[in-house]
Amino acid sequence: EDSSVGHENRAPVVPAKGTTKEKKRARGRNSSMKRYLRK
């Protein structure tokens, strides 16, 4: 899902109570991980 769907089509994720939300790093369409997974 992370490699195929953009941010606009992804359902919002609500973190559980007492947990910290992980920071999204390099999750854009042209990130290196996305290019690797697409190839």
All heavy atoms as atom14 arrays in JSON, in Angstrom:
{
  "sequence": "EDSSVGHENRAPVVPAKGTTKEKKRARGRNSSMKRYLRK",
  "atom14_mask": [
    [1, 1, 1, 1, 1, 1, 1, 1, 1, 0, 0, 0, 0, 0],
    [1, 1, 1, 1, 1, 1, 1, 1, 0, 0, 0, 0, 0, 0],
    [1, 1, 1, 1, 1, 1, 0, 0, 0, 0, 0, 0, 0, 0],
    [1, 1, 1, 1, 1, 1, 0, 0, 0, 0, 0, 0, 0, 0],
    [1, 1, 1, 1, 1, 1, 1, 0, 0, 0, 0, 0, 0, 0],
    [1, 1, 1, 1, 0, 0, 0, 0, 0, 0, 0, 0, 0, 0],
    [1, 1, 1, 1, 1, 1, 1, 1, 1, 1, 0, 0, 0, 0],
    [1, 1, 1, 1, 1, 1, 1, 1, 1, 0, 0, 0, 0, 0],
    [1, 1, 1, 1, 1, 1, 1, 1, 0, 0, 0, 0, 0, 0],
    [1, 1, 1, 1, 1, 1, 1, 1, 1, 1, 1, 0, 0, 0],
    [1, 1, 1, 1, 1, 0, 0, 0, 0, 0, 0, 0, 0, 0],
    [1, 1, 1, 1, 1, 1, 1, 0, 0, 0, 0, 0, 0, 0],
    [1, 1, 1, 1, 1, 1, 1, 0, 0, 0, 0, 0, 0, 0],
    [1, 1, 1, 1, 1, 1, 1, 0, 0, 0, 0, 0, 0, 0],
    [1, 1, 1, 1, 1, 1, 1, 0, 0, 0, 0, 0, 0, 0],
    [1, 1, 1, 1, 1, 0, 0, 0, 0, 0, 0, 0, 0, 0],
    [1, 1, 1, 1, 1, 1, 1, 1, 1, 0, 0, 0, 0, 0],
    [1, 1, 1, 1, 0, 0, 0, 0, 0, 0, 0, 0, 0, 0],
    [1, 1, 1, 1, 1, 1, 1, 0, 0, 0, 0, 0, 0, 0],
    [1, 1, 1, 1, 1, 1, 1, 0, 0, 0, 0, 0, 0, 0],
    [1, 1, 1, 1, 1, 1, 1, 1, 1, 0, 0, 0, 0, 0],
    [1, 1, 1, 1, 1, 1, 1, 1, 1, 0, 0, 0, 0, 0],
    [1, 1, 1, 1, 1, 1, 1, 1, 1, 0, 0, 0, 0, 0],
    [1, 1, 1, 1, 1, 1, 1, 1, 1, 0, 0, 0, 0, 0],
    [1, 1, 1, 1, 1, 1, 1, 1, 1, 1, 1, 0, 0, 0],
    [1, 1, 1, 1, 1, 0, 0, 0, 0, 0, 0, 0, 0, 0],
    [1, 1, 1, 1, 1, 1, 1, 1, 1, 1, 1, 0, 0, 0],
    [1, 1, 1, 1, 0, 0, 0, 0, 0, 0, 0, 0, 0, 0],
    [1, 1, 1, 1, 1, 1, 1, 1, 1, 1, 1, 0, 0, 0],
    [1, 1, 1, 1, 1, 1, 1, 1, 0, 0, 0, 0, 0, 0],
    [1, 1, 1, 1, 1, 1, 0, 0, 0, 0, 0, 0, 0, 0],
    [1, 1, 1, 1, 1, 1, 0, 0, 0, 0, 0, 0, 0, 0],
    [1, 1, 1, 1, 1, 1, 1, 1, 0, 0, 0, 0, 0, 0],
    [1, 1, 1, 1, 1, 1, 1, 1, 1, 0, 0, 0, 0, 0],
    [1, 1, 1, 1, 1, 1, 1, 1, 1, 1, 1, 0, 0, 0],
    [1, 1, 1, 1, 1, 1, 1, 1, 1, 1, 1, 1, 0, 0],
    [1, 1, 1, 1, 1, 1, 1, 1, 0, 0, 0, 0, 0, 0],
    [1, 1, 1, 1, 1, 1, 1, 1, 1, 1, 1, 0, 0, 0],
    [1, 1, 1, 1, 1, 1, 1, 1, 1, 0, 0, 0, 0, 0]
  ],
  "atom14_positions": [
    [[0.83, -1.2, 0.0], [0.0, 0.0, 0.0], [0.86, 1.26, 0.0], [0.61, 2.21, -0.73], [-0.89, -0.02, 1.24], [-1.8, 1.2, 1.37], [-2.65, 1.12, 2.61], [-2.58, 0.1, 3.29], [-3.36, 2.1, 2.88], [0.0, 0.0, 0.0], [0.0, 0.0, 0.0], [0.0, 0.0, 0.0], [0.0, 0.0, 0.0], [0.0, 0.0, 0.0]],
    [[1.95, 1.24, 0.8], [2.82, 2.4, 0.84], [3.51, 2.64, -0.49], [3.81, 3.78, -0.85], [3.86, 2.22, 1.94], [3.23, 2.25, 3.33], [2.08, 2.73, 3.44], [3.87, 1.77, 4.26], [0.0, 0.0, 0.0], [0.0, 0.0, 0.0], [0.0, 0.0, 0.0], [0.0, 0.0, 0.0], [0.0, 0.0, 0.0], [0.0, 0.0, 0.0]],
    [[3.79, 1.56, -1.23], [4.51, 1.72, -2.49], [3.6, 2.01, -3.66], [4.08, 2.37, -4.72], [5.32, 0.44, -2.79], [4.42, -0.66, -2.91], [0.0, 0.0, 0.0], [0.0, 0.0, 0.0], [0.0, 0.0, 0.0], [0.0, 0.0, 0.0], [0.0, 0.0, 0.0], [0.0, 0.0, 0.0], [0.0, 0.0, 0.0], [0.0, 0.0, 0.0]],
    [[2.3, 1.81, -3.53], [1.4, 1.95, -4.68], [0.41, 3.09, -4.54], [-0.05, 3.61, -5.54], [0.63, 0.64, -4.88], [1.51, -0.43, -5.06], [0.0, 0.0, 0.0], [0.0, 0.0, 0.0], [0.0, 0.0, 0.0], [0.0, 0.0, 0.0], [0.0, 0.0, 0.0], [0.0, 0.0, 0.0], [0.0, 0.0, 0.0], [0.0, 0.0, 0.0]],
    [[0.05, 3.49, -3.35], [-1.02, 4.46, -3.16], [-0.43, 5.77, -2.68], [0.5, 5.8, -1.85], [-2.04, 3.92, -2.11], [-3.21, 4.89, -1.99], [-2.53, 2.56, -2.53], [0.0, 0.0, 0.0], [0.0, 0.0, 0.0], [0.0, 0.0, 0.0], [0.0, 0.0, 0.0], [0.0, 0.0, 0.0], [0.0, 0.0, 0.0], [0.0, 0.0, 0.0]],
    [[-0.93, 6.88, -3.22], [-0.48, 8.19, -2.8], [-1.11, 8.59, -1.48], [-1.96, 7.9, -0.9], [0.0, 0.0, 0.0], [0.0, 0.0, 0.0], [0.0, 0.0, 0.0], [0.0, 0.0, 0.0], [0.0, 0.0, 0.0], [0.0, 0.0, 0.0], [0.0, 0.0, 0.0], [0.0, 0.0, 0.0], [0.0, 0.0, 0.0], [0.0, 0.0, 0.0]],
    [[-0.68, 9.73, -0.96], [-1.19, 10.18, 0.33], [-2.66, 10.55, 0.25], [-3.38, 10.44, 1.25], [-0.37, 11.38, 0.8], [1.05, 11.03, 1.12], [1.41, 10.36, 2.28], [2.2, 11.22, 0.42], [2.73, 10.18, 2.29], [3.23, 10.69, 1.17], [0.0, 0.0, 0.0], [0.0, 0.0, 0.0], [0.0, 0.0, 0.0], [0.0, 0.0, 0.0]],
    [[-3.14, 10.99, -0.91], [-4.52, 11.43, -0.99], [-5.49, 10.27, -0.93], [-6.65, 10.46, -0.53], [-4.74, 12.25, -2.26], [-4.55, 11.45, -3.55], [-3.1, 11.3, -3.95], [-2.24, 11.8, -3.19], [-2.84, 10.7, -5.0], [0.0, 0.0, 0.0], [0.0, 0.0, 0.0], [0.0, 0.0, 0.0], [0.0, 0.0, 0.0], [0.0, 0.0, 0.0]],
    [[-5.09, 9.06, -1.33], [-5.99, 7.9, -1.32], [-5.83, 7.04, -0.08], [-6.47, 6.01, 0.04], [-5.73, 7.02, -2.56], [-6.03, 7.77, -3.83], [-6.87, 8.67, -3.83], [-5.37, 7.39, -4.92], [0.0, 0.0, 0.0], [0.0, 0.0, 0.0], [0.0, 0.0, 0.0], [0.0, 0.0, 0.0], [0.0, 0.0, 0.0], [0.0, 0.0, 0.0]],
    [[-4.96, 7.42, 0.8], [-4.69, 6.6, 1.97], [-5.6, 7.01, 3.11], [-5.79, 8.2, 3.38], [-3.22, 6.75, 2.36], [-2.71, 5.63, 3.23], [-1.23, 5.82, 3.48], [-0.5, 5.84, 2.24], [0.72, 6.31, 2.13], [1.33, 6.79, 3.19], [1.33, 6.31, 0.96], [0.0, 0.0, 0.0], [0.0, 0.0, 0.0], [0.0, 0.0, 0.0]],
    [[-6.15, 6.04, 3.82], [-7.04, 6.33, 4.94], [-6.25, 6.92, 6.1], [-5.1, 6.48, 6.35], [-7.75, 5.05, 5.39], [0.0, 0.0, 0.0], [0.0, 0.0, 0.0], [0.0, 0.0, 0.0], [0.0, 0.0, 0.0], [0.0, 0.0, 0.0], [0.0, 0.0, 0.0], [0.0, 0.0, 0.0], [0.0, 0.0, 0.0], [0.0, 0.0, 0.0]],
    [[-6.79, 7.88, 6.83], [-6.05, 8.46, 7.96], [-5.85, 7.44, 9.06], [-6.76, 6.67, 9.39], [-6.94, 9.63, 8.4], [-8.3, 9.27, 7.92], [-8.11, 8.5, 6.66], [0.0, 0.0, 0.0], [0.0, 0.0, 0.0], [0.0, 0.0, 0.0], [0.0, 0.0, 0.0], [0.0, 0.0, 0.0], [0.0, 0.0, 0.0], [0.0, 0.0, 0.0]],
    [[-4.66, 7.43, 9.63], [-4.32, 6.51, 10.7], [-4.29, 7.29, 11.99], [-3.55, 8.27, 12.14], [-2.94, 5.84, 10.44], [-2.6, 4.89, 11.57], [-2.97, 5.11, 9.1], [0.0, 0.0, 0.0], [0.0, 0.0, 0.0], [0.0, 0.0, 0.0], [0.0, 0.0, 0.0], [0.0, 0.0, 0.0], [0.0, 0.0, 0.0], [0.0, 0.0, 0.0]],
    [[-5.09, 6.87, 12.98], [-5.17, 7.53, 14.27], [-4.32, 6.75, 15.26], [-4.55, 5.54, 15.46], [-6.63, 7.59, 14.77], [-6.69, 8.28, 16.13], [-7.49, 8.3, 13.75], [0.0, 0.0, 0.0], [0.0, 0.0, 0.0], [0.0, 0.0, 0.0], [0.0, 0.0, 0.0], [0.0, 0.0, 0.0], [0.0, 0.0, 0.0], [0.0, 0.0, 0.0]],
    [[-3.27, 7.32, 15.82], [-2.43, 6.58, 16.76], [-3.19, 6.24, 18.02], [-4.11, 6.96, 18.44], [-1.26, 7.55, 17.02], [-1.82, 8.9, 16.74], [-2.82, 8.72, 15.64], [0.0, 0.0, 0.0], [0.0, 0.0, 0.0], [0.0, 0.0, 0.0], [0.0, 0.0, 0.0], [0.0, 0.0, 0.0], [0.0, 0.0, 0.0], [0.0, 0.0, 0.0]],
    [[-2.81, 5.12, 18.62], [-3.47, 4.69, 19.85], [-3.12, 5.65, 21.0], [-2.13, 6.38, 20.95], [-3.07, 3.26, 20.2], [0.0, 0.0, 0.0], [0.0, 0.0, 0.0], [0.0, 0.0, 0.0], [0.0, 0.0, 0.0], [0.0, 0.0, 0.0], [0.0, 0.0, 0.0], [0.0, 0.0, 0.0], [0.0, 0.0, 0.0], [0.0, 0.0, 0.0]],
    [[-3.91, 5.58, 22.03], [-3.72, 6.46, 23.16], [-2.44, 6.09, 23.91], [-2.2, 4.92, 24.2], [-4.92, 6.37, 24.1], [-4.89, 7.4, 25.22], [-6.15, 7.32, 26.05], [-6.14, 8.38, 27.15], [-7.36, 8.3, 27.98], [0.0, 0.0, 0.0], [0.0, 0.0, 0.0], [0.0, 0.0, 0.0], [0.0, 0.0, 0.0], [0.0, 0.0, 0.0]],
    [[-1.63, 7.07, 24.22], [-0.38, 6.81, 24.93], [0.79, 6.48, 24.03], [1.88, 6.18, 24.54], [0.0, 0.0, 0.0], [0.0, 0.0, 0.0], [0.0, 0.0, 0.0], [0.0, 0.0, 0.0], [0.0, 0.0, 0.0], [0.0, 0.0, 0.0], [0.0, 0.0, 0.0], [0.0, 0.0, 0.0], [0.0, 0.0, 0.0], [0.0, 0.0, 0.0]],
    [[0.6, 6.51, 22.72], [1.69, 6.23, 21.78], [2.01, 7.49, 20.99], [1.13, 8.34, 20.78], [1.32, 5.1, 20.81], [0.17, 5.49, 20.07], [1.02, 3.82, 21.59], [0.0, 0.0, 0.0], [0.0, 0.0, 0.0], [0.0, 0.0, 0.0], [0.0, 0.0, 0.0], [0.0, 0.0, 0.0], [0.0, 0.0, 0.0], [0.0, 0.0, 0.0]],
    [[3.24, 7.58, 20.51], [3.67, 8.73, 19.72], [3.63, 8.36, 18.25], [4.02, 7.25, 17.86], [5.09, 9.15, 20.11], [5.96, 8.05, 19.9], [5.14, 9.58, 21.58], [0.0, 0.0, 0.0], [0.0, 0.0, 0.0], [0.0, 0.0, 0.0], [0.0, 0.0, 0.0], [0.0, 0.0, 0.0], [0.0, 0.0, 0.0], [0.0, 0.0, 0.0]],
    [[3.17, 9.29, 17.44], [3.07, 9.05, 16.01], [4.46, 9.14, 15.38], [5.2, 10.09, 15.63], [2.15, 10.09, 15.38], [1.9, 9.84, 13.89], [0.92, 10.85, 13.34], [0.68, 10.61, 11.87], [-0.26, 11.6, 11.3], [0.0, 0.0, 0.0], [0.0, 0.0, 0.0], [0.0, 0.0, 0.0], [0.0, 0.0, 0.0], [0.0, 0.0, 0.0]],
    [[4.81, 8.11, 14.56], [6.11, 8.08, 13.91], [6.17, 9.12, 12.81], [5.23, 9.3, 12.05], [6.37, 6.69, 13.33], [7.74, 6.58, 12.69], [7.92, 5.23, 12.04], [6.95, 4.44, 12.07], [9.02, 4.97, 11.51], [0.0, 0.0, 0.0], [0.0, 0.0, 0.0], [0.0, 0.0, 0.0], [0.0, 0.0, 0.0], [0.0, 0.0, 0.0]],
    [[7.31, 9.8, 12.74], [7.49, 10.82, 11.73], [7.69, 10.18, 10.36], [8.46, 9.24, 10.22], [8.7, 11.68, 12.08], [8.92, 12.84, 11.11], [10.11, 13.65, 11.54], [10.36, 14.79, 10.57], [11.54, 15.6, 10.96], [0.0, 0.0, 0.0], [0.0, 0.0, 0.0], [0.0, 0.0, 0.0], [0.0, 0.0, 0.0], [0.0, 0.0, 0.0]],
    [[6.97, 10.68, 9.35], [7.09, 10.15, 7.99], [8.3, 10.8, 7.33], [8.36, 12.02, 7.18], [5.82, 10.44, 7.19], [4.58, 9.77, 7.76], [3.37, 10.07, 6.91], [2.13, 9.41, 7.48], [0.93, 9.71, 6.68], [0.0, 0.0, 0.0], [0.0, 0.0, 0.0], [0.0, 0.0, 0.0], [0.0, 0.0, 0.0], [0.0, 0.0, 0.0]],
    [[9.22, 9.94, 6.93], [10.43, 10.45, 6.3], [10.57, 9.83, 4.91], [10.51, 8.62, 4.76], [11.65, 10.11, 7.13], [11.68, 10.82, 8.47], [12.88, 10.38, 9.28], [12.82, 8.96, 9.6], [13.76, 8.31, 10.26], [14.85, 8.97, 10.66], [13.64, 7.03, 10.52], [0.0, 0.0, 0.0], [0.0, 0.0, 0.0], [0.0, 0.0, 0.0]],
    [[10.74, 10.68, 3.9], [11.01, 10.25, 2.51], [9.96, 9.28, 2.02], [10.25, 8.19, 1.56], [12.4, 9.62, 2.41], [0.0, 0.0, 0.0], [0.0, 0.0, 0.0], [0.0, 0.0, 0.0], [0.0, 0.0, 0.0], [0.0, 0.0, 0.0], [0.0, 0.0, 0.0], [0.0, 0.0, 0.0], [0.0, 0.0, 0.0], [0.0, 0.0, 0.0]],
    [[8.7, 9.7, 2.19], [7.61, 8.85, 1.71], [6.88, 9.47, 0.53], [5.73, 9.16, 0.28], [6.63, 8.56, 2.84], [7.24, 7.71, 3.94], [6.19, 7.14, 4.85], [6.79, 6.28, 5.86], [6.07, 5.6, 6.76], [4.76, 5.69, 6.76], [6.68, 4.85, 7.64], [0.0, 0.0, 0.0], [0.0, 0.0, 0.0], [0.0, 0.0, 0.0]],
    [[7.52, 10.37, -0.16], [6.9, 10.95, -1.33], [6.92, 10.01, -2.51], [7.44, 8.89, -2.45], [0.0, 0.0, 0.0], [0.0, 0.0, 0.0], [0.0, 0.0, 0.0], [0.0, 0.0, 0.0], [0.0, 0.0, 0.0], [0.0, 0.0, 0.0], [0.0, 0.0, 0.0], [0.0, 0.0, 0.0], [0.0, 0.0, 0.0], [0.0, 0.0, 0.0]],
    [[6.39, 10.47, -3.62], [6.29, 9.62, -4.81], [7.67, 9.35, -5.41], [7.91, 8.28, -5.96], [5.38, 10.29, -5.84], [5.24, 9.5, -7.13], [4.25, 10.14, -8.05], [4.17, 9.41, -9.3], [3.44, 8.32, -9.49], [2.76, 7.82, -8.49], [3.41, 7.72, -10.67], [0.0, 0.0, 0.0], [0.0, 0.0, 0.0], [0.0, 0.0, 0.0]],
    [[8.59, 10.3, -5.29], [9.89, 10.16, -5.93], [10.99, 9.81, -4.94], [12.16, 10.08, -5.18], [10.26, 11.46, -6.66], [9.34, 11.73, -7.82], [8.89, 10.79, -8.48], [9.06, 12.98, -8.06], [0.0, 0.0, 0.0], [0.0, 0.0, 0.0], [0.0, 0.0, 0.0], [0.0, 0.0, 0.0], [0.0, 0.0, 0.0], [0.0, 0.0, 0.0]],
    [[10.65, 9.25, -3.79], [11.69, 8.83, -2.86], [12.45, 7.63, -3.4], [11.99, 6.92, -4.31], [11.07, 8.49, -1.5], [10.21, 7.37, -1.65], [0.0, 0.0, 0.0], [0.0, 0.0, 0.0], [0.0, 0.0, 0.0], [0.0, 0.0, 0.0], [0.0, 0.0, 0.0], [0.0, 0.0, 0.0], [0.0, 0.0, 0.0], [0.0, 0.0, 0.0]],
    [[13.62, 7.4, -2.86], [14.46, 6.29, -3.34], [13.79, 4.95, -3.09], [13.87, 4.04, -3.92], [15.82, 6.35, -2.65], [15.66, 6.26, -1.24], [0.0, 0.0, 0.0], [0.0, 0.0, 0.0], [0.0, 0.0, 0.0], [0.0, 0.0, 0.0], [0.0, 0.0, 0.0], [0.0, 0.0, 0.0], [0.0, 0.0, 0.0], [0.0, 0.0, 0.0]],
    [[13.11, 4.8, -1.93], [12.43, 3.52, -1.66], [11.29, 3.29, -2.63], [11.07, 2.16, -3.09], [11.92, 3.53, -0.21], [11.14, 2.26, 0.15], [12.11, 0.75, -0.08], [13.39, 1.02, 1.12], [0.0, 0.0, 0.0], [0.0, 0.0, 0.0], [0.0, 0.0, 0.0], [0.0, 0.0, 0.0], [0.0, 0.0, 0.0], [0.0, 0.0, 0.0]],
    [[10.54, 4.33, -3.0], [9.45, 4.18, -3.95], [9.98, 3.77, -5.31], [9.42, 2.9, -5.99], [8.67, 5.5, -4.07], [7.91, 5.86, -2.79], [6.82, 4.84, -2.5], [5.97, 5.28, -1.33], [6.73, 5.51, -0.11], [0.0, 0.0, 0.0], [0.0, 0.0, 0.0], [0.0, 0.0, 0.0], [0.0, 0.0, 0.0], [0.0, 0.0, 0.0]],
    [[11.06, 4.41, -5.76], [11.64, 4.03, -7.05], [12.13, 2.59, -7.03], [11.96, 1.86, -8.01], [12.79, 4.99, -7.4], [12.32, 6.4, -7.72], [13.43, 7.18, -8.4], [14.6, 7.32, -7.54], [14.8, 8.35, -6.72], [13.91, 9.33, -6.66], [15.87, 8.41, -5.97], [0.0, 0.0, 0.0], [0.0, 0.0, 0.0], [0.0, 0.0, 0.0]],
    [[12.75, 2.19, -5.93], [13.24, 0.8, -5.84], [12.09, -0.2, -5.88], [12.14, -1.2, -6.61], [14.05, 0.64, -4.56], [14.38, -0.79, -4.24], [15.36, -1.48, -4.96], [13.72, -1.47, -3.23], [15.67, -2.78, -4.68], [14.01, -2.79, -2.94], [15.0, -3.44, -3.67], [15.29, -4.75, -3.39], [0.0, 0.0, 0.0], [0.0, 0.0, 0.0]],
    [[11.01, 0.11, -5.13], [9.88, -0.83, -5.11], [9.16, -0.86, -6.44], [8.71, -1.92, -6.89], [8.91, -0.42, -3.99], [9.43, -0.64, -2.56], [8.43, -0.1, -1.55], [9.69, -2.11, -2.29], [0.0, 0.0, 0.0], [0.0, 0.0, 0.0], [0.0, 0.0, 0.0], [0.0, 0.0, 0.0], [0.0, 0.0, 0.0], [0.0, 0.0, 0.0]],
    [[9.03, 0.32, -7.11], [8.37, 0.33, -8.41], [9.18, -0.46, -9.43], [8.63, -1.23, -10.22], [8.19, 1.77, -8.89], [7.06, 2.5, -8.19], [6.61, 3.71, -9.0], [7.7, 4.65, -9.24], [7.98, 5.68, -8.45], [7.26, 5.9, -7.37], [8.99, 6.48, -8.73], [0.0, 0.0, 0.0], [0.0, 0.0, 0.0], [0.0, 0.0, 0.0]],
    [[10.49, -0.29, -9.44], [11.32, -1.04, -10.39], [11.28, -2.53, -10.1], [11.2, -3.36, -11.01], [12.75, -0.53, -10.32], [13.67, -1.19, -11.34], [15.05, -0.62, -11.28], [15.74, -1.08, -10.0], [17.18, -0.71, -10.0], [0.0, 0.0, 0.0], [0.0, 0.0, 0.0], [0.0, 0.0, 0.0], [0.0, 0.0, 0.0], [0.0, 0.0, 0.0]]
  ]
}
